[in-house]
Amino acid sequence: MNALQKEQPAFDRAVCDAMVASTPDDWSVIVLTIERPDGSTAIGELSHELSTPDRNGSATPDDSLYEATYRLDELFQRHGAVFRRAVYRVELLPESWRYTVDFEYVASKSKKRFR
């Protein structure tokens, strides 16, 4: 396990917590799509879209979500990785929640999936 993988879970947790804080209580599945404009590598220069597959509409991200994704972006870049797109999916369960995240990277164009 490399240094990025050791540090990332705490950052993912902050993103997921902020996703839950940003959305209505009746959303049981939350999807966050983060995208970087083509050609940009600036830390934090990301668009955010919160949605749910259960219904139409979207939610406005809480400031804590922008802060969490900024810190995540900074972490990745400190380790030499720049993501172009990230899609987080949080499923709220009766006693807990679980998440998945897919990243697409700028340099290698590869996809990695972490659970």
PDB file of N, CA and C in Angstrom:
ATOM      1  N   MET A   1       0.848  -1.177   0.000  1.00  0.00           N
ATOM      2  CA  MET A   1       0.000   0.000   0.000  1.00  0.00           C
ATOM      3  C   MET A   1       0.892   1.238   0.000  1.00  0.00           C
ATOM      4  N   ASN A   2       0.652   2.140  -0.957  1.00  0.00           N
ATOM      5  CA  ASN A   2       1.491   3.330  -1.028  1.00  0.00           C
ATOM      6  C   ASN A   2       0.989   4.425  -0.079  1.00  0.00           C
ATOM      7  N   ALA A   3       1.742   5.490   0.038  1.00  0.00           N
ATOM      8  CA  ALA A   3       1.429   6.565   0.987  1.00  0.00           C
ATOM      9  C   ALA A   3       0.072   7.215   0.696  1.00  0.00           C
ATOM     10  N   LEU A   4      -0.249   7.420  -0.574  1.00  0.00           N
ATOM     11  CA  LEU A   4      -1.543   8.015  -0.933  1.00  0.00           C
ATOM     12  C   LEU A   4      -2.683   7.131  -0.442  1.00  0.00           C
ATOM     13  N   GLN A   5      -2.596   5.840  -0.674  1.00  0.00           N
ATOM     14  CA  GLN A   5      -3.656   4.920  -0.250  1.00  0.00           C
ATOM     15  C   GLN A   5      -3.792   4.870   1.267  1.00  0.00           C
ATOM     16  N   LYS A   6      -2.710   5.076   1.992  1.00  0.00           N
ATOM     17  CA  LYS A   6      -2.772   5.104   3.452  1.00  0.00           C
ATOM     18  C   LYS A   6      -3.473   6.360   3.953  1.00  0.00           C
ATOM     19  N   GLU A   7      -3.244   7.483   3.288  1.00  0.00           N
ATOM     20  CA  GLU A   7      -3.813   8.758   3.731  1.00  0.00           C
ATOM     21  C   GLU A   7      -5.229   8.997   3.230  1.00  0.00           C
ATOM     22  N   GLN A   8      -5.590   8.426   2.100  1.00  0.00           N
ATOM     23  CA  GLN A   8      -6.835   8.768   1.429  1.00  0.00           C
ATOM     24  C   GLN A   8      -8.124   8.464   2.208  1.00  0.00           C
ATOM     25  N   PRO A   9      -8.240   7.371   2.978  1.00  0.00           N
ATOM     26  CA  PRO A   9      -9.526   7.075   3.631  1.00  0.00           C
ATOM     27  C   PRO A   9     -10.090   8.217   4.478  1.00  0.00           C
ATOM     28  N   ALA A  10      -9.270   8.923   5.194  1.00  0.00           N
ATOM     29  CA  ALA A  10      -9.766  10.046   6.007  1.00  0.00           C
ATOM     30  C   ALA A  10     -10.327  11.158   5.122  1.00  0.00           C
ATOM     31  N   PHE A  11      -9.721  11.373   3.976  1.00  0.00           N
ATOM     32  CA  PHE A  11     -10.186  12.397   3.048  1.00  0.00           C
ATOM     33  C   PHE A  11     -11.499  11.955   2.391  1.00  0.00           C
ATOM     34  N   ASP A  12     -11.570  10.678   2.030  1.00  0.00           N
ATOM     35  CA  ASP A  12     -12.816  10.147   1.470  1.00  0.00           C
ATOM     36  C   ASP A  12     -13.951  10.282   2.484  1.00  0.00           C
ATOM     37  N   ARG A  13     -13.667   9.985   3.729  1.00  0.00           N
ATOM     38  CA  ARG A  13     -14.682  10.090   4.790  1.00  0.00           C
ATOM     39  C   ARG A  13     -15.209  11.521   4.884  1.00  0.00           C
ATOM     40  N   ALA A  14     -14.324  12.501   4.817  1.00  0.00           N
ATOM     41  CA  ALA A  14     -14.745  13.902   4.883  1.00  0.00           C
ATOM     42  C   ALA A  14     -15.638  14.262   3.691  1.00  0.00           C
ATOM     43  N   VAL A  15     -15.288  13.774   2.502  1.00  0.00           N
ATOM     44  CA  VAL A  15     -16.111  14.023   1.312  1.00  0.00           C
ATOM     45  C   VAL A  15     -17.486  13.396   1.501  1.00  0.00           C
ATOM     46  N   CYS A  16     -17.534  12.152   1.927  1.00  0.00           N
ATOM     47  CA  CYS A  16     -18.819  11.459   2.100  1.00  0.00           C
ATOM     48  C   CYS A  16     -19.673  12.112   3.182  1.00  0.00           C
ATOM     49  N   ASP A  17     -19.074  12.491   4.296  1.00  0.00           N
ATOM     50  CA  ASP A  17     -19.822  13.189   5.348  1.00  0.00           C
ATOM     51  C   ASP A  17     -20.417  14.492   4.818  1.00  0.00           C
ATOM     52  N   ALA A  18     -19.649  15.217   4.028  1.00  0.00           N
ATOM     53  CA  ALA A  18     -20.123  16.481   3.457  1.00  0.00           C
ATOM     54  C   ALA A  18     -21.227  16.241   2.423  1.00  0.00           C
ATOM     55  N   MET A  19     -21.157  15.125   1.700  1.00  0.00           N
ATOM     56  CA  MET A  19     -22.218  14.779   0.753  1.00  0.00           C
ATOM     57  C   MET A  19     -23.543  14.596   1.498  1.00  0.00           C
ATOM     58  N   VAL A  20     -23.489  13.850   2.595  1.00  0.00           N
ATOM     59  CA  VAL A  20     -24.691  13.604   3.391  1.00  0.00           C
ATOM     60  C   VAL A  20     -25.224  14.913   3.961  1.00  0.00           C
ATOM     61  N   ALA A  21     -24.329  15.773   4.436  1.00  0.00           N
ATOM     62  CA  ALA A  21     -24.740  17.066   5.006  1.00  0.00           C
ATOM     63  C   ALA A  21     -25.352  17.998   3.956  1.00  0.00           C
ATOM     64  N   SER A  22     -25.025  17.783   2.685  1.00  0.00           N
ATOM     65  CA  SER A  22     -25.467  18.667   1.597  1.00  0.00           C
ATOM     66  C   SER A  22     -26.799  18.265   0.973  1.00  0.00           C
ATOM     67  N   THR A  23     -27.319  17.112   1.326  1.00  0.00           N
ATOM     68  CA  THR A  23     -28.482  16.591   0.611  1.00  0.00           C
ATOM     69  C   THR A  23     -29.684  16.404   1.540  1.00  0.00           C
ATOM     70  N   PRO A  24     -30.880  16.356   0.954  1.00  0.00           N
ATOM     71  CA  PRO A  24     -32.093  16.149   1.762  1.00  0.00           C
ATOM     72  C   PRO A  24     -32.044  14.813   2.507  1.00  0.00           C
ATOM     73  N   ASP A  25     -32.697  14.770   3.657  1.00  0.00           N
ATOM     74  CA  ASP A  25     -32.692  13.568   4.494  1.00  0.00           C
ATOM     75  C   ASP A  25     -33.314  12.351   3.822  1.00  0.00           C
ATOM     76  N   ASP A  26     -34.184  12.567   2.835  1.00  0.00           N
ATOM     77  CA  ASP A  26     -34.858  11.428   2.217  1.00  0.00           C
ATOM     78  C   ASP A  26     -34.086  10.819   1.046  1.00  0.00           C
ATOM     79  N   TRP A  27     -32.885  11.312   0.771  1.00  0.00           N
ATOM     80  CA  TRP A  27     -32.053  10.698  -0.265  1.00  0.00           C
ATOM     81  C   TRP A  27     -31.354   9.485   0.340  1.00  0.00           C
ATOM     82  N   SER A  28     -31.564   8.308  -0.216  1.00  0.00           N
ATOM     83  CA  SER A  28     -30.895   7.114   0.298  1.00  0.00           C
ATOM     84  C   SER A  28     -29.641   6.767  -0.498  1.00  0.00           C
ATOM     85  N   VAL A  29     -29.531   7.328  -1.698  1.00  0.00           N
ATOM     86  CA  VAL A  29     -28.342   7.166  -2.528  1.00  0.00           C
ATOM     87  C   VAL A  29     -27.934   8.554  -3.016  1.00  0.00           C
ATOM     88  N   ILE A  30     -26.672   8.890  -2.816  1.00  0.00           N
ATOM     89  CA  ILE A  30     -26.153  10.209  -3.202  1.00  0.00           C
ATOM     90  C   ILE A  30     -24.986   9.992  -4.153  1.00  0.00           C
ATOM     91  N   VAL A  31     -24.994  10.719  -5.266  1.00  0.00           N
ATOM     92  CA  VAL A  31     -23.899  10.633  -6.237  1.00  0.00           C
ATOM     93  C   VAL A  31     -23.276  12.022  -6.373  1.00  0.00           C
ATOM     94  N   LEU A  32     -21.979  12.083  -6.181  1.00  0.00           N
ATOM     95  CA  LEU A  32     -21.214  13.314  -6.384  1.00  0.00           C
ATOM     96  C   LEU A  32     -20.302  13.113  -7.575  1.00  0.00           C
ATOM     97  N   THR A  33     -20.437  13.981  -8.564  1.00  0.00           N
ATOM     98  CA  THR A  33     -19.536  13.971  -9.716  1.00  0.00           C
ATOM     99  C   THR A  33     -18.686  15.228  -9.649  1.00  0.00           C
ATOM    100  N   ILE A  34     -17.379  15.022  -9.601  1.00  0.00           N
ATOM    101  CA  ILE A  34     -16.408  16.123  -9.551  1.00  0.00           C
ATOM    102  C   ILE A  34     -15.642  16.077 -10.864  1.00  0.00           C
ATOM    103  N   GLU A  35     -15.547  17.226 -11.542  1.00  0.00           N
ATOM    104  CA  GLU A  35     -14.802  17.261 -12.801  1.00  0.00           C
ATOM    105  C   GLU A  35     -13.886  18.469 -12.846  1.00  0.00           C
ATOM    106  N   ARG A  36     -12.739  18.242 -13.462  1.00  0.00           N
ATOM    107  CA  ARG A  36     -11.744  19.289 -13.667  1.00  0.00           C
ATOM    108  C   ARG A  36     -11.831  19.742 -15.116  1.00  0.00           C
ATOM    109  N   PRO A  37     -11.808  21.055 -15.370  1.00  0.00           N
ATOM    110  CA  PRO A  37     -11.822  21.515 -16.766  1.00  0.00           C
ATOM    111  C   PRO A  37     -10.615  20.997 -17.544  1.00  0.00           C
ATOM    112  N   ASP A  38     -10.808  20.716 -18.818  1.00  0.00           N
ATOM    113  CA  ASP A  38      -9.701  20.250 -19.669  1.00  0.00           C
ATOM    114  C   ASP A  38      -8.530  21.208 -19.579  1.00  0.00           C
ATOM    115  N   GLY A  39      -7.352  20.644 -19.442  1.00  0.00           N
ATOM    116  CA  GLY A  39      -6.122  21.436 -19.420  1.00  0.00           C
ATOM    117  C   GLY A  39      -5.781  22.037 -18.071  1.00  0.00           C
ATOM    118  N   SER A  40      -6.658  21.951 -17.090  1.00  0.00           N
ATOM    119  CA  SER A  40      -6.397  22.542 -15.779  1.00  0.00           C
ATOM    120  C   SER A  40      -5.766  21.519 -14.845  1.00  0.00           C
ATOM    121  N   THR A  41      -4.832  21.993 -14.040  1.00  0.00           N
ATOM    122  CA  THR A  41      -4.297  21.182 -12.955  1.00  0.00           C
ATOM    123  C   THR A  41      -4.308  21.962 -11.648  1.00  0.00           C
ATOM    124  N   ALA A  42      -4.960  23.120 -11.632  1.00  0.00           N
ATOM    125  CA  ALA A  42      -4.993  23.955 -10.436  1.00  0.00           C
ATOM    126  C   ALA A  42      -5.738  23.229  -9.316  1.00  0.00           C
ATOM    127  N   ILE A  43      -5.178  23.262  -8.126  1.00  0.00           N
ATOM    128  CA  ILE A  43      -5.812  22.622  -6.986  1.00  0.00           C
ATOM    129  C   ILE A  43      -7.143  23.304  -6.706  1.00  0.00           C
ATOM    130  N   GLY A  44      -8.176  22.488  -6.607  1.00  0.00           N
ATOM    131  CA  GLY A  44      -9.497  23.000  -6.274  1.00  0.00           C
ATOM    132  C   GLY A  44     -10.314  23.518  -7.433  1.00  0.00           C
ATOM    133  N   GLU A  45      -9.748  23.550  -8.619  1.00  0.00           N
ATOM    134  CA  GLU A  45     -10.517  24.019  -9.778  1.00  0.00           C
ATOM    135  C   GLU A  45     -11.355  22.850 -10.291  1.00  0.00           C
ATOM    136  N   LEU A  46     -12.491  22.640  -9.619  1.00  0.00           N
ATOM    137  CA  LEU A  46     -13.336  21.486  -9.862  1.00  0.00           C
ATOM    138  C   LEU A  46     -14.799  21.901  -9.883  1.00  0.00           C
ATOM    139  N   SER A  47     -15.588  21.257 -10.725  1.00  0.00           N
ATOM    140  CA  SER A  47     -17.042  21.458 -10.676  1.00  0.00           C
ATOM    141  C   SER A  47     -17.626  20.323  -9.846  1.00  0.00           C
ATOM    142  N   HIS A  48     -18.753  20.591  -9.204  1.00  0.00           N
ATOM    143  CA  HIS A  48     -19.399  19.622  -8.318  1.00  0.00           C
ATOM    144  C   HIS A  48     -20.864  19.471  -8.714  1.00  0.00           C
ATOM    145  N   GLU A  49     -21.324  18.239  -8.806  1.00  0.00           N
ATOM    146  CA  GLU A  49     -22.740  17.987  -9.054  1.00  0.00           C
ATOM    147  C   GLU A  49     -23.205  16.883  -8.113  1.00  0.00           C
ATOM    148  N   LEU A  50     -24.225  17.198  -7.314  1.00  0.00           N
ATOM    149  CA  LEU A  50     -24.828  16.228  -6.405  1.00  0.00           C
ATOM    150  C   LEU A  50     -26.169  15.799  -6.966  1.00  0.00           C
ATOM    151  N   SER A  51     -26.393  14.500  -7.032  1.00  0.00           N
ATOM    152  CA  SER A  51     -27.660  14.000  -7.552  1.00  0.00           C
ATOM    153  C   SER A  51     -28.005  12.695  -6.850  1.00  0.00           C
ATOM    154  N   THR A  52     -29.200  12.200  -7.153  1.00  0.00           N
ATOM    155  CA  THR A  52     -29.620  10.891  -6.666  1.00  0.00           C
ATOM    156  C   THR A  52     -30.297  10.161  -7.812  1.00  0.00           C
ATOM    157  N   PRO A  53     -30.057   8.871  -7.953  1.00  0.00           N
ATOM    158  CA  PRO A  53     -30.712   8.124  -9.029  1.00  0.00           C
ATOM    159  C   PRO A  53     -32.192   7.874  -8.729  1.00  0.00           C
ATOM    160  N   ASP A  54     -32.627   8.133  -7.496  1.00  0.00           N
ATOM    161  CA  ASP A  54     -34.002   7.870  -7.087  1.00  0.00           C
ATOM    162  C   ASP A  54     -35.022   8.866  -7.644  1.00  0.00           C
ATOM    163  N   ARG A  55     -34.563  10.051  -8.017  1.00  0.00           N
ATOM    164  CA  ARG A  55     -35.498  11.076  -8.506  1.00  0.00           C
ATOM    165  C   ARG A  55     -34.745  12.139  -9.290  1.00  0.00           C
ATOM    166  N   ASN A  56     -35.494  12.977  -9.981  1.00  0.00           N
ATOM    167  CA  ASN A  56     -34.888  14.097 -10.710  1.00  0.00           C
ATOM    168  C   ASN A  56     -34.489  15.182  -9.724  1.00  0.00           C
ATOM    169  N   GLY A  57     -33.576  16.002 -10.140  1.00  0.00           N
ATOM    170  CA  GLY A  57     -33.166  17.120  -9.312  1.00  0.00           C
ATOM    171  C   GLY A  57     -31.753  16.964  -8.811  1.00  0.00           C
ATOM    172  N   SER A  58     -31.313  17.993  -8.162  1.00  0.00           N
ATOM    173  CA  SER A  58     -29.963  18.004  -7.624  1.00  0.00           C
ATOM    174  C   SER A  58     -29.979  18.788  -6.317  1.00  0.00           C
ATOM    175  N   ALA A  59     -28.858  18.815  -5.641  1.00  0.00           N
ATOM    176  CA  ALA A  59     -28.719  19.556  -4.392  1.00  0.00           C
ATOM    177  C   ALA A  59     -27.516  20.482  -4.511  1.00  0.00           C
ATOM    178  N   THR A  60     -27.569  21.549  -3.762  1.00  0.00           N
ATOM    179  CA  THR A  60     -26.465  22.502  -3.729  1.00  0.00           C
ATOM    180  C   THR A  60     -25.448  22.046  -2.693  1.00  0.00           C
ATOM    181  N   PRO A  61     -24.186  21.889  -3.088  1.00  0.00           N
ATOM    182  CA  PRO A  61     -23.175  21.446  -2.130  1.00  0.00           C
ATOM    183  C   PRO A  61     -23.000  22.425  -0.976  1.00  0.00           C
ATOM    184  N   ASP A  62     -22.855  21.887   0.208  1.00  0.00           N
ATOM    185  CA  ASP A  62     -22.520  22.647   1.401  1.00  0.00           C
ATOM    186  C   ASP A  62     -21.064  23.091   1.272  1.00  0.00           C
ATOM    187  N   ASP A  63     -20.712  24.184   1.921  1.00  0.00           N
ATOM    188  CA  ASP A  63     -19.317  24.651   1.874  1.00  0.00           C
ATOM    189  C   ASP A  63     -18.342  23.562   2.313  1.00  0.00           C
ATOM    190  N   SER A  64     -18.776  22.702   3.237  1.00  0.00           N
ATOM    191  CA  SER A  64     -17.889  21.641   3.716  1.00  0.00           C
ATOM    192  C   SER A  64     -17.515  20.670   2.599  1.00  0.00           C
ATOM    193  N   LEU A  65     -18.379  20.528   1.589  1.00  0.00           N
ATOM    194  CA  LEU A  65     -18.059  19.640   0.470  1.00  0.00           C
ATOM    195  C   LEU A  65     -16.949  20.232  -0.388  1.00  0.00           C
ATOM    196  N   TYR A  66     -17.021  21.531  -0.651  1.00  0.00           N
ATOM    197  CA  TYR A  66     -15.952  22.182  -1.413  1.00  0.00           C
ATOM    198  C   TYR A  66     -14.626  22.080  -0.660  1.00  0.00           C
ATOM    199  N   GLU A  67     -14.668  22.292   0.645  1.00  0.00           N
ATOM    200  CA  GLU A  67     -13.450  22.202   1.455  1.00  0.00           C
ATOM    201  C   GLU A  67     -12.868  20.789   1.422  1.00  0.00           C
ATOM    202  N   ALA A  68     -13.732  19.782   1.530  1.00  0.00           N
ATOM    203  CA  ALA A  68     -13.263  18.392   1.544  1.00  0.00           C
ATOM    204  C   ALA A  68     -12.661  17.985   0.201  1.00  0.00           C
ATOM    205  N   THR A  69     -13.291  18.395  -0.906  1.00  0.00           N
ATOM    206  CA  THR A  69     -12.745  18.022  -2.216  1.00  0.00           C
ATOM    207  C   THR A  69     -11.477  18.814  -2.527  1.00  0.00           C
ATOM    208  N   TYR A  70     -11.373  20.031  -2.021  1.00  0.00           N
ATOM    209  CA  TYR A  70     -10.141  20.811  -2.178  1.00  0.00           C
ATOM    210  C   TYR A  70      -8.987  20.087  -1.477  1.00  0.00           C
ATOM    211  N   ARG A  71      -9.241  19.629  -0.245  1.00  0.00           N
ATOM    212  CA  ARG A  71      -8.190  18.914   0.499  1.00  0.00           C
ATOM    213  C   ARG A  71      -7.836  17.592  -0.183  1.00  0.00           C
ATOM    214  N   LEU A  72      -8.847  16.894  -0.723  1.00  0.00           N
ATOM    215  CA  LEU A  72      -8.599  15.655  -1.457  1.00  0.00           C
ATOM    216  C   LEU A  72      -7.728  15.920  -2.679  1.00  0.00           C
ATOM    217  N   ASP A  73      -8.045  16.952  -3.432  1.00  0.00           N
ATOM    218  CA  ASP A  73      -7.274  17.317  -4.617  1.00  0.00           C
ATOM    219  C   ASP A  73      -5.832  17.646  -4.237  1.00  0.00           C
ATOM    220  N   GLU A  74      -5.682  18.382  -3.159  1.00  0.00           N
ATOM    221  CA  GLU A  74      -4.342  18.738  -2.673  1.00  0.00           C
ATOM    222  C   GLU A  74      -3.558  17.481  -2.280  1.00  0.00           C
ATOM    223  N   LEU A  75      -4.213  16.534  -1.617  1.00  0.00           N
ATOM    224  CA  LEU A  75      -3.569  15.271  -1.242  1.00  0.00           C
ATOM    225  C   LEU A  75      -3.071  14.534  -2.476  1.00  0.00           C
ATOM    226  N   PHE A  76      -3.940  14.367  -3.470  1.00  0.00           N
ATOM    227  CA  PHE A  76      -3.553  13.654  -4.685  1.00  0.00           C
ATOM    228  C   PHE A  76      -2.362  14.329  -5.351  1.00  0.00           C
ATOM    229  N   GLN A  77      -2.429  15.650  -5.495  1.00  0.00           N
ATOM    230  CA  GLN A  77      -1.357  16.353  -6.199  1.00  0.00           C
ATOM    231  C   GLN A  77      -0.046  16.313  -5.421  1.00  0.00           C
ATOM    232  N   ARG A  78      -0.135  16.282  -4.105  1.00  0.00           N
ATOM    233  CA  ARG A  78       1.081  16.157  -3.287  1.00  0.00           C
ATOM    234  C   ARG A  78       1.771  14.825  -3.562  1.00  0.00           C
ATOM    235  N   HIS A  79       0.997  13.836  -3.971  1.00  0.00           N
ATOM    236  CA  HIS A  79       1.540  12.512  -4.296  1.00  0.00           C
ATOM    237  C   HIS A  79       1.724  12.313  -5.797  1.00  0.00           C
ATOM    238  N   GLY A  80       1.646  13.393  -6.561  1.00  0.00           N
ATOM    239  CA  GLY A  80       1.928  13.327  -7.987  1.00  0.00           C
ATOM    240  C   GLY A  80       0.789  12.844  -8.860  1.00  0.00           C
ATOM    241  N   ALA A  81      -0.437  12.824  -8.346  1.00  0.00           N
ATOM    242  CA  ALA A  81      -1.593  12.370  -9.123  1.00  0.00           C
ATOM    243  C   ALA A  81      -2.580  13.523  -9.291  1.00  0.00           C
ATOM    244  N   VAL A  82      -3.094  13.675 -10.496  1.00  0.00           N
ATOM    245  CA  VAL A  82      -4.107  14.689 -10.778  1.00  0.00           C
ATOM    246  C   VAL A  82      -5.312  13.970 -11.365  1.00  0.00           C
ATOM    247  N   PHE A  83      -6.433  14.053 -10.673  1.00  0.00           N
ATOM    248  CA  PHE A  83      -7.613  13.401 -11.234  1.00  0.00           C
ATOM    249  C   PHE A  83      -8.404  14.376 -12.091  1.00  0.00           C
ATOM    250  N   ARG A  84      -8.950  13.848 -13.177  1.00  0.00           N
ATOM    251  CA  ARG A  84      -9.784  14.642 -14.076  1.00  0.00           C
ATOM    252  C   ARG A  84     -11.237  14.570 -13.647  1.00  0.00           C
ATOM    253  N   ARG A  85     -11.609  13.418 -13.147  1.00  0.00           N
ATOM    254  CA  ARG A  85     -12.998  13.184 -12.764  1.00  0.00           C
ATOM    255  C   ARG A  85     -13.029  12.199 -11.609  1.00  0.00           C
ATOM    256  N   ALA A  86     -13.946  12.431 -10.684  1.00  0.00           N
ATOM    257  CA  ALA A  86     -14.182  11.487  -9.595  1.00  0.00           C
ATOM    258  C   ALA A  86     -15.685  11.380  -9.404  1.00  0.00           C
ATOM    259  N   VAL A  87     -16.156  10.163  -9.209  1.00  0.00           N
ATOM    260  CA  VAL A  87     -17.576   9.939  -8.946  1.00  0.00           C
ATOM    261  C   VAL A  87     -17.695   9.145  -7.649  1.00  0.00           C
ATOM    262  N   TYR A  88     -18.232   9.816  -6.631  1.00  0.00           N
ATOM    263  CA  TYR A  88     -18.499   9.176  -5.345  1.00  0.00           C
ATOM    264  C   TYR A  88     -19.966   8.755  -5.318  1.00  0.00           C
ATOM    265  N   ARG A  89     -20.228   7.598  -4.761  1.00  0.00           N
ATOM    266  CA  ARG A  89     -21.601   7.121  -4.582  1.00  0.00           C
ATOM    267  C   ARG A  89     -21.724   6.653  -3.134  1.00  0.00           C
ATOM    268  N   VAL A  90     -22.627   7.297  -2.395  1.00  0.00           N
ATOM    269  CA  VAL A  90     -22.877   6.951  -1.002  1.00  0.00           C
ATOM    270  C   VAL A  90     -24.267   6.344  -0.909  1.00  0.00           C
ATOM    271  N   GLU A  91     -24.349   5.169  -0.281  1.00  0.00           N
ATOM    272  CA  GLU A  91     -25.638   4.518  -0.032  1.00  0.00           C
ATOM    273  C   GLU A  91     -25.863   4.511   1.468  1.00  0.00           C
ATOM    274  N   LEU A  92     -26.985   5.106   1.876  1.00  0.00           N
ATOM    275  CA  LEU A  92     -27.328   5.161   3.286  1.00  0.00           C
ATOM    276  C   LEU A  92     -28.087   3.896   3.656  1.00  0.00           C
ATOM    277  N   LEU A  93     -27.557   3.170   4.623  1.00  0.00           N
ATOM    278  CA  LEU A  93     -28.132   1.910   5.094  1.00  0.00           C
ATOM    279  C   LEU A  93     -28.777   2.153   6.463  1.00  0.00           C
ATOM    280  N   PRO A  94     -29.562   1.219   6.973  1.00  0.00           N
ATOM    281  CA  PRO A  94     -30.237   1.452   8.255  1.00  0.00           C
ATOM    282  C   PRO A  94     -29.314   1.842   9.411  1.00  0.00           C
ATOM    283  N   GLU A  95     -28.163   1.226   9.518  1.00  0.00           N
ATOM    284  CA  GLU A  95     -27.272   1.502  10.649  1.00  0.00           C
ATOM    285  C   GLU A  95     -25.956   2.177  10.254  1.00  0.00           C
ATOM    286  N   SER A  96     -25.720   2.351   8.961  1.00  0.00           N
ATOM    287  CA  SER A  96     -24.441   2.917   8.515  1.00  0.00           C
ATOM    288  C   SER A  96     -24.573   3.381   7.070  1.00  0.00           C
ATOM    289  N   TRP A  97     -23.449   3.607   6.429  1.00  0.00           N
ATOM    290  CA  TRP A  97     -23.429   3.928   5.005  1.00  0.00           C
ATOM    291  C   TRP A  97     -22.209   3.284   4.391  1.00  0.00           C
ATOM    292  N   ARG A  98     -22.261   3.156   3.080  1.00  0.00           N
ATOM    293  CA  ARG A  98     -21.094   2.647   2.360  1.00  0.00           C
ATOM    294  C   ARG A  98     -20.890   3.526   1.135  1.00  0.00           C
ATOM    295  N   TYR A  99     -19.670   3.494   0.628  1.00  0.00           N
ATOM    296  CA  TYR A  99     -19.383   4.324  -0.545  1.00  0.00           C
ATOM    297  C   TYR A  99     -18.484   3.586  -1.517  1.00  0.00           C
ATOM    298  N   THR A 100     -18.558   4.037  -2.750  1.00  0.00           N
ATOM    299  CA  THR A 100     -17.595   3.655  -3.774  1.00  0.00           C
ATOM    300  C   THR A 100     -17.137   4.941  -4.432  1.00  0.00           C
ATOM    301  N   VAL A 101     -15.965   4.891  -5.038  1.00  0.00           N
ATOM    302  CA  VAL A 101     -15.474   6.049  -5.769  1.00  0.00           C
ATOM    303  C   VAL A 101     -14.668   5.564  -6.967  1.00  0.00           C
ATOM    304  N   ASP A 102     -14.872   6.209  -8.096  1.00  0.00           N
ATOM    305  CA  ASP A 102     -14.111   5.955  -9.319  1.00  0.00           C
ATOM    306  C   ASP A 102     -13.350   7.220  -9.664  1.00  0.00           C
ATOM    307  N   PHE A 103     -12.077   7.072  -9.985  1.00  0.00           N
ATOM    308  CA  PHE A 103     -11.244   8.201 -10.407  1.00  0.00           C
ATOM    309  C   PHE A 103     -10.775   7.991 -11.838  1.00  0.00           C
ATOM    310  N   GLU A 104     -10.739   9.068 -12.589  1.00  0.00           N
ATOM    311  CA  GLU A 104     -10.077   9.106 -13.896  1.00  0.00           C
ATOM    312  C   GLU A 104      -8.974  10.143 -13.763  1.00  0.00           C
ATOM    313  N   TYR A 105      -7.766   9.754 -14.169  1.00  0.00           N
ATOM    314  CA  TYR A 105      -6.613  10.610 -13.965  1.00  0.00           C
ATOM    315  C   TYR A 105      -6.216  11.352 -15.233  1.00  0.00           C
ATOM    316  N   VAL A 106      -5.648  12.531 -15.054  1.00  0.00           N
ATOM    317  CA  VAL A 106      -5.230  13.378 -16.164  1.00  0.00           C
ATOM    318  C   VAL A 106      -4.070  12.750 -16.924  1.00  0.00           C
ATOM    319  N   ALA A 107      -2.994  12.411 -16.237  1.00  0.00           N
ATOM    320  CA  ALA A 107      -1.770  11.985 -16.907  1.00  0.00           C
ATOM    321  C   ALA A 107      -1.906  10.633 -17.583  1.00  0.00           C
ATOM    322  N   SER A 108      -2.408   9.652 -16.864  1.00  0.00           N
ATOM    323  CA  SER A 108      -2.386   8.299 -17.405  1.00  0.00           C
ATOM    324  C   SER A 108      -3.685   7.896 -18.086  1.00  0.00           C
ATOM    325  N   LYS A 109      -4.733   8.657 -17.882  1.00  0.00           N
ATOM    326  CA  LYS A 109      -6.047   8.345 -18.429  1.00  0.00           C
ATOM    327  C   LYS A 109      -6.563   6.993 -17.942  1.00  0.00           C
ATOM    328  N   SER A 110      -5.936   6.460 -16.901  1.00  0.00           N
ATOM    329  CA  SER A 110      -6.381   5.174 -16.374  1.00  0.00           C
ATOM    330  C   SER A 110      -7.512   5.385 -15.363  1.00  0.00           C
ATOM    331  N   LYS A 111      -8.227   4.311 -15.098  1.00  0.00           N
ATOM    332  CA  LYS A 111      -9.306   4.352 -14.114  1.00  0.00           C
ATOM    333  C   LYS A 111      -8.933   3.416 -12.982  1.00  0.00           C
ATOM    334  N   LYS A 112      -9.155   3.863 -11.778  1.00  0.00           N
ATOM    335  CA  LYS A 112      -8.933   3.024 -10.603  1.00  0.00           C
ATOM    336  C   LYS A 112     -10.202   3.062  -9.777  1.00  0.00           C
ATOM    337  N   ARG A 113     -10.551   1.967  -9.194  1.00  0.00           N
ATOM    338  CA  ARG A 113     -11.763   1.896  -8.367  1.00  0.00           C
ATOM    339  C   ARG A 113     -11.345   1.469  -6.964  1.00  0.00           C
ATOM    340  N   PHE A 114     -11.776   2.247  -5.993  1.00  0.00           N
ATOM    341  CA  PHE A 114     -11.487   1.945  -4.597  1.00  0.00           C
ATOM    342  C   PHE A 114     -12.801   1.727  -3.881  1.00  0.00           C
ATOM    343  N   ARG A 115     -12.849   0.794  -2.988  1.00  0.00           N
ATOM    344  CA  ARG A 115     -14.036   0.544  -2.151  1.00  0.00           C
ATOM    345  C   ARG A 115     -13.643   0.646  -0.711  1.00  0.00           C
TER     346      ARG A 115
END
